[in-house]
Amino acid sequence: MVKVRVNGFGHIRRLITRAAFNSSEVDIVAISGSFIDINYMVYMFQYNSTHGRFPGTVKAENRKLVINGKSITIFQDQDLANIKWVMLVLR
């Protein structure tokens, strides 16, 4: 299984995260979403104007995003240099 850390939580990265939950080969372990409130992250992930509502459960709990019972660490530092796991920044 490949562990993935998502940098940003815009439309494309939310779709990647959705796809990861349909795969047994990808594990989303962290998300950097520095400009987004975690409750808004829940809303944006749950509802998508193109792909429809996410069929599973999504909630915020203890400053983490919990998708289908899996807890995902959220980093909200605007300076990516402070997030030690960032190795590749997709733009």
Protein backbone atom coordinates (compact mmCIF):
# COMPACT_ATOMS: atom_id res chain seq x y z
CA MET A 1 0.00 0.00 0.00
CA VAL A 2 1.24 3.47 -0.92
CA LYS A 3 0.93 6.15 1.76
CA VAL A 4 0.02 9.53 0.26
CA ARG A 5 0.24 13.01 1.72
CA VAL A 6 -1.92 15.53 -0.13
CA ASN A 7 -0.67 19.11 -0.47
CA GLY A 8 -3.67 21.39 -0.77
CA PHE A 9 -7.35 20.51 -0.82
CA GLY A 10 -8.69 22.13 -3.97
CA HIS A 11 -11.01 20.45 -6.43
CA ILE A 12 -8.44 18.11 -8.02
CA ARG A 13 -6.91 17.01 -4.72
CA ARG A 14 -10.35 16.30 -3.27
CA LEU A 15 -11.05 14.10 -6.30
CA ILE A 16 -7.72 12.31 -5.77
CA THR A 17 -8.67 11.75 -2.14
CA ARG A 18 -12.07 10.39 -3.17
CA ALA A 19 -10.42 8.02 -5.64
CA ALA A 20 -8.00 6.85 -2.94
CA PHE A 21 -10.94 5.73 -0.82
CA ASN A 22 -12.06 3.52 -3.72
CA SER A 23 -8.63 1.88 -3.91
CA SER A 24 -7.10 -0.72 -1.64
CA GLU A 25 -3.63 0.34 -2.81
CA VAL A 26 -3.61 3.99 -1.65
CA ASP A 27 -3.72 5.29 1.93
CA ILE A 28 -4.21 9.04 2.49
CA VAL A 29 -2.31 9.79 5.70
CA ALA A 30 -2.14 13.60 5.79
CA ILE A 31 -3.50 16.70 4.08
CA SER A 32 -2.05 20.19 4.02
CA GLY A 33 -4.97 22.60 3.79
CA SER A 34 -3.60 25.83 5.19
CA PHE A 35 -6.28 28.14 3.84
CA ILE A 36 -9.33 26.04 4.63
CA ASP A 37 -11.24 25.64 7.89
CA ILE A 38 -11.54 21.95 8.74
CA ASN A 39 -15.36 22.11 8.90
CA TYR A 40 -15.38 23.59 5.41
CA MET A 41 -13.04 20.78 4.30
CA VAL A 42 -15.69 18.33 5.50
CA TYR A 43 -18.40 20.13 3.53
CA MET A 44 -16.34 20.42 0.34
CA PHE A 45 -15.35 16.77 0.47
CA GLN A 46 -18.87 15.56 1.23
CA TYR A 47 -20.48 17.49 -1.63
CA ASN A 48 -19.18 17.90 -5.19
CA SER A 49 -21.11 19.73 -7.90
CA THR A 50 -19.75 17.45 -10.64
CA HIS A 51 -19.30 14.08 -8.97
CA GLY A 52 -22.13 14.26 -6.46
CA ARG A 53 -22.22 13.49 -2.77
CA PHE A 54 -19.48 11.31 -1.27
CA PRO A 55 -21.14 7.96 -0.48
CA GLY A 56 -19.38 7.48 2.86
CA THR A 57 -19.08 9.37 6.12
CA VAL A 58 -17.06 12.56 6.56
CA LYS A 59 -16.56 14.52 9.77
CA ALA A 60 -14.07 16.66 11.69
CA GLU A 61 -12.86 15.21 14.96
CA ASN A 62 -9.97 16.34 17.17
CA ARG A 63 -8.63 18.60 14.39
CA LYS A 64 -8.51 15.67 11.98
CA LEU A 65 -10.56 14.82 8.93
CA VAL A 66 -12.30 11.48 9.44
CA ILE A 67 -13.41 9.77 6.23
CA ASN A 68 -15.17 6.42 6.50
CA GLY A 69 -13.78 6.08 10.02
CA LYS A 70 -10.17 6.74 8.93
CA SER A 71 -8.55 9.65 10.74
CA ILE A 72 -6.37 11.88 8.53
CA THR A 73 -3.94 14.42 9.97
CA ILE A 74 -4.50 17.99 8.78
CA PHE A 75 -1.62 20.47 8.60
CA GLN A 76 -2.60 24.13 8.46
CA ASP A 77 0.76 25.89 8.38
CA GLN A 78 1.01 28.37 5.52
CA ASP A 79 4.79 27.87 5.29
CA LEU A 80 5.34 24.48 3.65
CA ALA A 81 8.92 24.46 4.95
CA ASN A 82 7.47 23.92 8.43
CA ILE A 83 5.72 20.74 7.33
CA LYS A 84 8.46 18.13 7.48
CA TRP A 85 6.77 15.58 5.23
CA VAL A 86 6.51 17.79 2.16
CA MET A 87 8.81 16.28 -0.45
CA LEU A 88 6.97 17.17 -3.65
CA VAL A 89 4.72 20.14 -4.21
CA LEU A 90 2.21 19.75 -7.02
CA ARG A 91 1.22 23.02 -8.65
